[in-house]
Amino acid sequence: MGELKKLVKDGKIKYVGLSEASASTIRRAHAVHPITAIQLEWSLWSRDVEEHIIPTCRELGIGIVAYSPLGRGFFSYGPKVLKELEDGDMRKHIPRFQPENLEHNKILYERVKEIASKKGCTTSQLALAWVHHQGKDVVPIPGTTKIENLEQNIGALSLKLTPEEMMKLESIASGVSVKGARDGPGISTYLDSETPLLPWKP
């Protein structure tokens, strides 16, 4: 962070952001130089960041960039997502996408789908709108390789959710315990990538 601070001072970069940083790391980094944005995974089936990371960002005035707001395609295809994956797709190794876990996790998809049907939108639009409605400090960044999916994502921006609908989605997401880790073996997240303290110097 000290070196990044120098780069900002020299005019070589304008802002500093972090990805998958723990709350304590965010605080330590922000004390050296203001952090503009934190990138993290946030969706209806990845909500662990709401306990410590989101409150820390909001306390410090740091923007939130939510990646995989569609659950890495889960809210686009549901349990059929496995059939959509090409050879070499990393999602084939993610525990949540393993058949035995996906069979359970489809409960969440089906309940979100029910609300989407009543709302007259797709499950992906509803899931994306949920993230978008989390606050003006949140910018979801869904990834896509298909034009039709891009058009659906854009359509989610005009989807307005009532407080009651938000509460219903919150209730569904809280009531269904998602099975399987959100990342495959060897992938570090804020949960296991705590920044070590620097050696103390007198």
C-alpha atoms as a PDB file:
ATOM      1  CA  MET A   1       0.000   0.000   0.000  1.00  0.00           C
ATOM      2  CA  GLY A   2       2.920   2.297   0.656  1.00  0.00           C
ATOM      3  CA  GLU A   3       4.162   1.777  -2.888  1.00  0.00           C
ATOM      4  CA  LEU A   4       0.674   2.245  -4.338  1.00  0.00           C
ATOM      5  CA  LYS A   5       0.386   5.468  -2.386  1.00  0.00           C
ATOM      6  CA  LYS A   6       3.582   6.677  -4.081  1.00  0.00           C
ATOM      7  CA  LEU A   7       2.141   5.795  -7.501  1.00  0.00           C
ATOM      8  CA  VAL A   8      -0.968   7.861  -6.749  1.00  0.00           C
ATOM      9  CA  LYS A   9       1.199  10.768  -5.616  1.00  0.00           C
ATOM     10  CA  ASP A  10       3.274  10.513  -8.805  1.00  0.00           C
ATOM     11  CA  GLY A  11       0.111  10.560 -10.916  1.00  0.00           C
ATOM     12  CA  LYS A  12       0.750   7.094 -12.366  1.00  0.00           C
ATOM     13  CA  ILE A  13      -2.481   5.665 -10.974  1.00  0.00           C
ATOM     14  CA  LYS A  14      -5.597   7.420  -9.743  1.00  0.00           C
ATOM     15  CA  TYR A  15      -7.322   4.966  -7.412  1.00  0.00           C
ATOM     16  CA  VAL A  16      -6.511   1.889  -5.354  1.00  0.00           C
ATOM     17  CA  GLY A  17      -8.769  -1.137  -4.954  1.00  0.00           C
ATOM     18  CA  LEU A  18      -8.484  -4.549  -3.329  1.00  0.00           C
ATOM     19  CA  SER A  19     -10.039  -7.925  -4.075  1.00  0.00           C
ATOM     20  CA  GLU A  20     -11.049 -10.621  -1.567  1.00  0.00           C
ATOM     21  CA  ALA A  21      -9.405  -8.770   1.328  1.00  0.00           C
ATOM     22  CA  SER A  22     -10.330  -9.462   4.942  1.00  0.00           C
ATOM     23  CA  ALA A  23     -11.896  -6.758   7.103  1.00  0.00           C
ATOM     24  CA  SER A  24      -8.690  -6.251   9.070  1.00  0.00           C
ATOM     25  CA  THR A  25      -6.610  -6.042   5.885  1.00  0.00           C
ATOM     26  CA  ILE A  26      -9.027  -3.457   4.486  1.00  0.00           C
ATOM     27  CA  ARG A  27      -8.676  -1.366   7.626  1.00  0.00           C
ATOM     28  CA  ARG A  28      -4.877  -1.569   7.612  1.00  0.00           C
ATOM     29  CA  ALA A  29      -4.660  -0.714   3.926  1.00  0.00           C
ATOM     30  CA  HIS A  30      -7.168   2.140   4.190  1.00  0.00           C
ATOM     31  CA  ALA A  31      -5.125   3.656   7.027  1.00  0.00           C
ATOM     32  CA  VAL A  32      -2.136   3.944   4.664  1.00  0.00           C
ATOM     33  CA  HIS A  33      -4.104   5.303   1.690  1.00  0.00           C
ATOM     34  CA  PRO A  34      -7.845   5.553   0.986  1.00  0.00           C
ATOM     35  CA  ILE A  35      -9.242   2.470  -0.738  1.00  0.00           C
ATOM     36  CA  THR A  36     -11.716   3.330  -3.485  1.00  0.00           C
ATOM     37  CA  ALA A  37     -13.307  -0.078  -4.036  1.00  0.00           C
ATOM     38  CA  ILE A  38     -13.334  -3.625  -2.731  1.00  0.00           C
ATOM     39  CA  GLN A  39     -14.129  -6.455  -5.141  1.00  0.00           C
ATOM     40  CA  LEU A  40     -15.885  -9.439  -3.624  1.00  0.00           C
ATOM     41  CA  GLU A  41     -18.292 -12.209  -4.519  1.00  0.00           C
ATOM     42  CA  TRP A  42     -21.840 -11.285  -3.559  1.00  0.00           C
ATOM     43  CA  SER A  43     -25.073 -12.894  -4.688  1.00  0.00           C
ATOM     44  CA  LEU A  44     -28.164 -14.595  -3.344  1.00  0.00           C
ATOM     45  CA  TRP A  45     -26.104 -17.727  -2.734  1.00  0.00           C
ATOM     46  CA  SER A  46     -22.851 -16.065  -1.581  1.00  0.00           C
ATOM     47  CA  ARG A  47     -23.739 -13.816   1.331  1.00  0.00           C
ATOM     48  CA  ASP A  48     -20.955 -14.461   3.830  1.00  0.00           C
ATOM     49  CA  VAL A  49     -19.432 -11.034   3.067  1.00  0.00           C
ATOM     50  CA  GLU A  50     -22.436  -9.383   4.711  1.00  0.00           C
ATOM     51  CA  GLU A  51     -21.158 -10.265   8.176  1.00  0.00           C
ATOM     52  CA  HIS A  52     -17.889  -8.300   8.274  1.00  0.00           C
ATOM     53  CA  ILE A  53     -16.735  -7.111   4.841  1.00  0.00           C
ATOM     54  CA  ILE A  54     -19.784  -5.080   3.748  1.00  0.00           C
ATOM     55  CA  PRO A  55     -20.114  -3.275   7.118  1.00  0.00           C
ATOM     56  CA  THR A  56     -16.388  -2.450   7.063  1.00  0.00           C
ATOM     57  CA  CYS A  57     -16.608  -1.005   3.550  1.00  0.00           C
ATOM     58  CA  ARG A  58     -19.605   1.117   4.483  1.00  0.00           C
ATOM     59  CA  GLU A  59     -18.027   2.335   7.694  1.00  0.00           C
ATOM     60  CA  LEU A  60     -14.961   3.503   5.759  1.00  0.00           C
ATOM     61  CA  GLY A  61     -16.860   4.802   2.721  1.00  0.00           C
ATOM     62  CA  ILE A  62     -15.422   2.247   0.297  1.00  0.00           C
ATOM     63  CA  GLY A  63     -17.301   1.263  -2.864  1.00  0.00           C
ATOM     64  CA  ILE A  64     -18.307  -2.367  -3.386  1.00  0.00           C
ATOM     65  CA  VAL A  65     -17.781  -4.200  -6.673  1.00  0.00           C
ATOM     66  CA  ALA A  66     -19.813  -7.420  -6.587  1.00  0.00           C
ATOM     67  CA  TYR A  67     -18.513 -10.094  -8.915  1.00  0.00           C
ATOM     68  CA  SER A  68     -20.435 -13.263  -9.794  1.00  0.00           C
ATOM     69  CA  PRO A  69     -23.773 -11.658  -8.852  1.00  0.00           C
ATOM     70  CA  LEU A  70     -25.499 -14.449 -10.788  1.00  0.00           C
ATOM     71  CA  GLY A  71     -23.828 -17.205  -8.797  1.00  0.00           C
ATOM     72  CA  ARG A  72     -21.442 -17.963 -11.683  1.00  0.00           C
ATOM     73  CA  GLY A  73     -24.342 -18.782 -13.960  1.00  0.00           C
ATOM     74  CA  PHE A  74     -26.408 -20.666 -11.401  1.00  0.00           C
ATOM     75  CA  PHE A  75     -29.222 -18.102 -11.486  1.00  0.00           C
ATOM     76  CA  SER A  76     -29.196 -18.130 -15.281  1.00  0.00           C
ATOM     77  CA  TYR A  77     -29.538 -21.875 -15.799  1.00  0.00           C
ATOM     78  CA  GLY A  78     -30.243 -23.432 -12.413  1.00  0.00           C
ATOM     79  CA  PRO A  79     -29.199 -27.086 -12.058  1.00  0.00           C
ATOM     80  CA  LYS A  80     -28.890 -27.302 -15.857  1.00  0.00           C
ATOM     81  CA  VAL A  81     -25.777 -25.119 -15.630  1.00  0.00           C
ATOM     82  CA  LEU A  82     -23.530 -28.202 -15.663  1.00  0.00           C
ATOM     83  CA  LYS A  83     -24.696 -29.024 -19.183  1.00  0.00           C
ATOM     84  CA  GLU A  84     -23.703 -25.537 -20.307  1.00  0.00           C
ATOM     85  CA  LEU A  85     -20.115 -25.810 -19.111  1.00  0.00           C
ATOM     86  CA  GLU A  86     -17.394 -26.426 -21.664  1.00  0.00           C
ATOM     87  CA  ASP A  87     -14.330 -28.600 -21.093  1.00  0.00           C
ATOM     88  CA  GLY A  88     -11.813 -26.769 -18.955  1.00  0.00           C
ATOM     89  CA  ASP A  89     -14.420 -24.592 -17.239  1.00  0.00           C
ATOM     90  CA  MET A  90     -13.231 -24.039 -13.660  1.00  0.00           C
ATOM     91  CA  ARG A  91     -16.798 -24.326 -12.361  1.00  0.00           C
ATOM     92  CA  LYS A  92     -16.630 -28.067 -12.952  1.00  0.00           C
ATOM     93  CA  HIS A  93     -14.293 -28.218  -9.951  1.00  0.00           C
ATOM     94  CA  ILE A  94     -16.263 -25.932  -7.640  1.00  0.00           C
ATOM     95  CA  PRO A  95     -18.000 -27.879  -4.839  1.00  0.00           C
ATOM     96  CA  ARG A  96     -21.307 -26.015  -5.251  1.00  0.00           C
ATOM     97  CA  PHE A  97     -21.560 -27.237  -8.817  1.00  0.00           C
ATOM     98  CA  GLN A  98     -20.991 -30.892  -8.024  1.00  0.00           C
ATOM     99  CA  PRO A  99     -24.112 -32.974  -8.810  1.00  0.00           C
ATOM    100  CA  GLU A 100     -24.712 -34.037  -5.211  1.00  0.00           C
ATOM    101  CA  ASN A 101     -24.674 -30.396  -4.020  1.00  0.00           C
ATOM    102  CA  LEU A 102     -26.447 -28.968  -7.040  1.00  0.00           C
ATOM    103  CA  GLU A 103     -29.386 -31.274  -6.401  1.00  0.00           C
ATOM    104  CA  HIS A 104     -29.874 -29.540  -3.040  1.00  0.00           C
ATOM    105  CA  ASN A 105     -28.976 -26.038  -4.236  1.00  0.00           C
ATOM    106  CA  LYS A 106     -31.620 -26.133  -6.947  1.00  0.00           C
ATOM    107  CA  ILE A 107     -34.161 -25.489  -4.172  1.00  0.00           C
ATOM    108  CA  LEU A 108     -32.898 -21.911  -3.999  1.00  0.00           C
ATOM    109  CA  TYR A 109     -33.118 -21.545  -7.768  1.00  0.00           C
ATOM    110  CA  GLU A 110     -36.682 -22.882  -7.900  1.00  0.00           C
ATOM    111  CA  ARG A 111     -37.895 -20.497  -5.188  1.00  0.00           C
ATOM    112  CA  VAL A 112     -36.278 -17.510  -6.875  1.00  0.00           C
ATOM    113  CA  LYS A 113     -37.798 -18.688 -10.159  1.00  0.00           C
ATOM    114  CA  GLU A 114     -41.287 -18.612  -8.608  1.00  0.00           C
ATOM    115  CA  ILE A 115     -40.900 -14.951  -7.693  1.00  0.00           C
ATOM    116  CA  ALA A 116     -39.386 -14.143 -11.098  1.00  0.00           C
ATOM    117  CA  SER A 117     -42.385 -15.722 -12.840  1.00  0.00           C
ATOM    118  CA  LYS A 118     -44.802 -13.586 -10.817  1.00  0.00           C
ATOM    119  CA  LYS A 119     -42.631 -10.534 -11.504  1.00  0.00           C
ATOM    120  CA  GLY A 120     -42.516 -11.217 -15.238  1.00  0.00           C
ATOM    121  CA  CYS A 121     -38.736 -11.425 -15.447  1.00  0.00           C
ATOM    122  CA  THR A 122     -36.037 -14.075 -15.631  1.00  0.00           C
ATOM    123  CA  THR A 123     -34.322 -15.595 -12.592  1.00  0.00           C
ATOM    124  CA  SER A 124     -31.040 -13.987 -13.644  1.00  0.00           C
ATOM    125  CA  GLN A 125     -32.659 -10.560 -13.869  1.00  0.00           C
ATOM    126  CA  LEU A 126     -34.190 -10.968 -10.425  1.00  0.00           C
ATOM    127  CA  ALA A 127     -30.938 -12.179  -8.861  1.00  0.00           C
ATOM    128  CA  LEU A 128     -28.994  -9.334 -10.466  1.00  0.00           C
ATOM    129  CA  ALA A 129     -31.590  -6.764  -9.419  1.00  0.00           C
ATOM    130  CA  TRP A 130     -31.315  -8.027  -5.833  1.00  0.00           C
ATOM    131  CA  VAL A 131     -27.604  -7.199  -5.786  1.00  0.00           C
ATOM    132  CA  HIS A 132     -28.216  -3.882  -7.539  1.00  0.00           C
ATOM    133  CA  HIS A 133     -30.786  -2.947  -4.882  1.00  0.00           C
ATOM    134  CA  GLN A 134     -28.293  -3.426  -2.052  1.00  0.00           C
ATOM    135  CA  GLY A 135     -27.283   0.219  -2.264  1.00  0.00           C
ATOM    136  CA  LYS A 136     -25.869   2.985  -4.413  1.00  0.00           C
ATOM    137  CA  ASP A 137     -22.383   2.006  -3.255  1.00  0.00           C
ATOM    138  CA  VAL A 138     -22.711  -1.432  -4.927  1.00  0.00           C
ATOM    139  CA  VAL A 139     -21.769  -2.100  -8.557  1.00  0.00           C
ATOM    140  CA  PRO A 140     -22.471  -5.667  -9.726  1.00  0.00           C
ATOM    141  CA  ILE A 141     -20.299  -6.927 -12.578  1.00  0.00           C
ATOM    142  CA  PRO A 142     -21.933  -9.957 -14.223  1.00  0.00           C
ATOM    143  CA  GLY A 143     -19.839 -11.692 -16.838  1.00  0.00           C
ATOM    144  CA  THR A 144     -21.241 -13.080 -20.061  1.00  0.00           C
ATOM    145  CA  THR A 145     -20.183 -14.385 -23.450  1.00  0.00           C
ATOM    146  CA  LYS A 146     -23.647 -14.376 -25.030  1.00  0.00           C
ATOM    147  CA  ILE A 147     -25.562 -11.395 -26.428  1.00  0.00           C
ATOM    148  CA  GLU A 148     -28.912 -12.656 -25.138  1.00  0.00           C
ATOM    149  CA  ASN A 149     -27.495 -12.855 -21.604  1.00  0.00           C
ATOM    150  CA  LEU A 150     -26.057  -9.348 -21.942  1.00  0.00           C
ATOM    151  CA  GLU A 151     -29.475  -8.044 -22.955  1.00  0.00           C
ATOM    152  CA  GLN A 152     -31.062  -9.762 -19.943  1.00  0.00           C
ATOM    153  CA  ASN A 153     -28.461  -8.216 -17.651  1.00  0.00           C
ATOM    154  CA  ILE A 154     -29.196  -4.756 -19.017  1.00  0.00           C
ATOM    155  CA  GLY A 155     -32.915  -5.393 -18.507  1.00  0.00           C
ATOM    156  CA  ALA A 156     -32.277  -6.011 -14.811  1.00  0.00           C
ATOM    157  CA  LEU A 157     -31.315  -2.341 -14.372  1.00  0.00           C
ATOM    158  CA  SER A 158     -34.908  -1.258 -14.952  1.00  0.00           C
ATOM    159  CA  LEU A 159     -36.357  -3.918 -12.657  1.00  0.00           C
ATOM    160  CA  LYS A 160     -37.729  -2.322  -9.501  1.00  0.00           C
ATOM    161  CA  LEU A 161     -38.092  -4.460  -6.392  1.00  0.00           C
ATOM    162  CA  THR A 162     -40.430  -3.476  -3.590  1.00  0.00           C
ATOM    163  CA  PRO A 163     -39.327  -3.725   0.060  1.00  0.00           C
ATOM    164  CA  GLU A 164     -41.650  -6.720   0.372  1.00  0.00           C
ATOM    165  CA  GLU A 165     -40.022  -8.465  -2.592  1.00  0.00           C
ATOM    166  CA  MET A 166     -36.565  -7.763  -1.180  1.00  0.00           C
ATOM    167  CA  MET A 167     -37.648  -9.224   2.158  1.00  0.00           C
ATOM    168  CA  LYS A 168     -39.048 -12.291   0.410  1.00  0.00           C
ATOM    169  CA  LEU A 169     -35.769 -12.871  -1.441  1.00  0.00           C
ATOM    170  CA  GLU A 170     -33.830 -12.312   1.791  1.00  0.00           C
ATOM    171  CA  SER A 171     -36.020 -14.881   3.511  1.00  0.00           C
ATOM    172  CA  ILE A 172     -35.542 -17.430   0.726  1.00  0.00           C
ATOM    173  CA  ALA A 173     -31.782 -16.960   0.586  1.00  0.00           C
ATOM    174  CA  SER A 174     -31.494 -17.203   4.373  1.00  0.00           C
ATOM    175  CA  GLY A 175     -33.776 -20.213   4.568  1.00  0.00           C
ATOM    176  CA  VAL A 176     -31.913 -22.362   2.048  1.00  0.00           C
ATOM    177  CA  SER A 177     -28.493 -23.432   3.275  1.00  0.00           C
ATOM    178  CA  VAL A 178     -26.326 -23.614   0.157  1.00  0.00           C
ATOM    179  CA  LYS A 179     -24.190 -26.764   0.038  1.00  0.00           C
ATOM    180  CA  GLY A 180     -20.574 -26.717  -1.088  1.00  0.00           C
ATOM    181  CA  ALA A 181     -17.784 -24.137  -0.958  1.00  0.00           C
ATOM    182  CA  ARG A 182     -17.955 -21.258  -3.437  1.00  0.00           C
ATOM    183  CA  ASP A 183     -14.431 -21.868  -4.738  1.00  0.00           C
ATOM    184  CA  GLY A 184     -12.413 -24.886  -5.765  1.00  0.00           C
ATOM    185  CA  PRO A 185      -9.299 -26.271  -4.085  1.00  0.00           C
ATOM    186  CA  GLY A 186      -6.335 -23.912  -3.927  1.00  0.00           C
ATOM    187  CA  ILE A 187      -8.337 -20.724  -4.499  1.00  0.00           C
ATOM    188  CA  SER A 188      -7.824 -18.133  -1.768  1.00  0.00           C
ATOM    189  CA  THR A 189     -10.559 -15.790  -0.605  1.00  0.00           C
ATOM    190  CA  TYR A 190     -10.746 -13.248   2.204  1.00  0.00           C
ATOM    191  CA  LEU A 191     -11.470 -16.174   4.533  1.00  0.00           C
ATOM    192  CA  ASP A 192      -7.974 -17.627   4.214  1.00  0.00           C
ATOM    193  CA  SER A 193      -5.786 -14.817   2.914  1.00  0.00           C
ATOM    194  CA  GLU A 194      -5.194 -12.686   5.978  1.00  0.00           C
ATOM    195  CA  THR A 195      -2.321 -10.277   5.373  1.00  0.00           C
ATOM    196  CA  PRO A 196       0.537 -10.963   7.819  1.00  0.00           C
ATOM    197  CA  LEU A 197       1.690  -8.154  10.045  1.00  0.00           C
ATOM    198  CA  LEU A 198       4.937  -6.473   9.026  1.00  0.00           C
ATOM    199  CA  PRO A 199       7.924  -6.884  11.371  1.00  0.00           C
ATOM    200  CA  TRP A 200       7.975  -4.198  14.033  1.00  0.00           C
ATOM    201  CA  LYS A 201      10.877  -1.759  13.823  1.00  0.00           C
ATOM    202  CA  PRO A 202      11.943   0.525  16.696  1.00  0.00           C
END
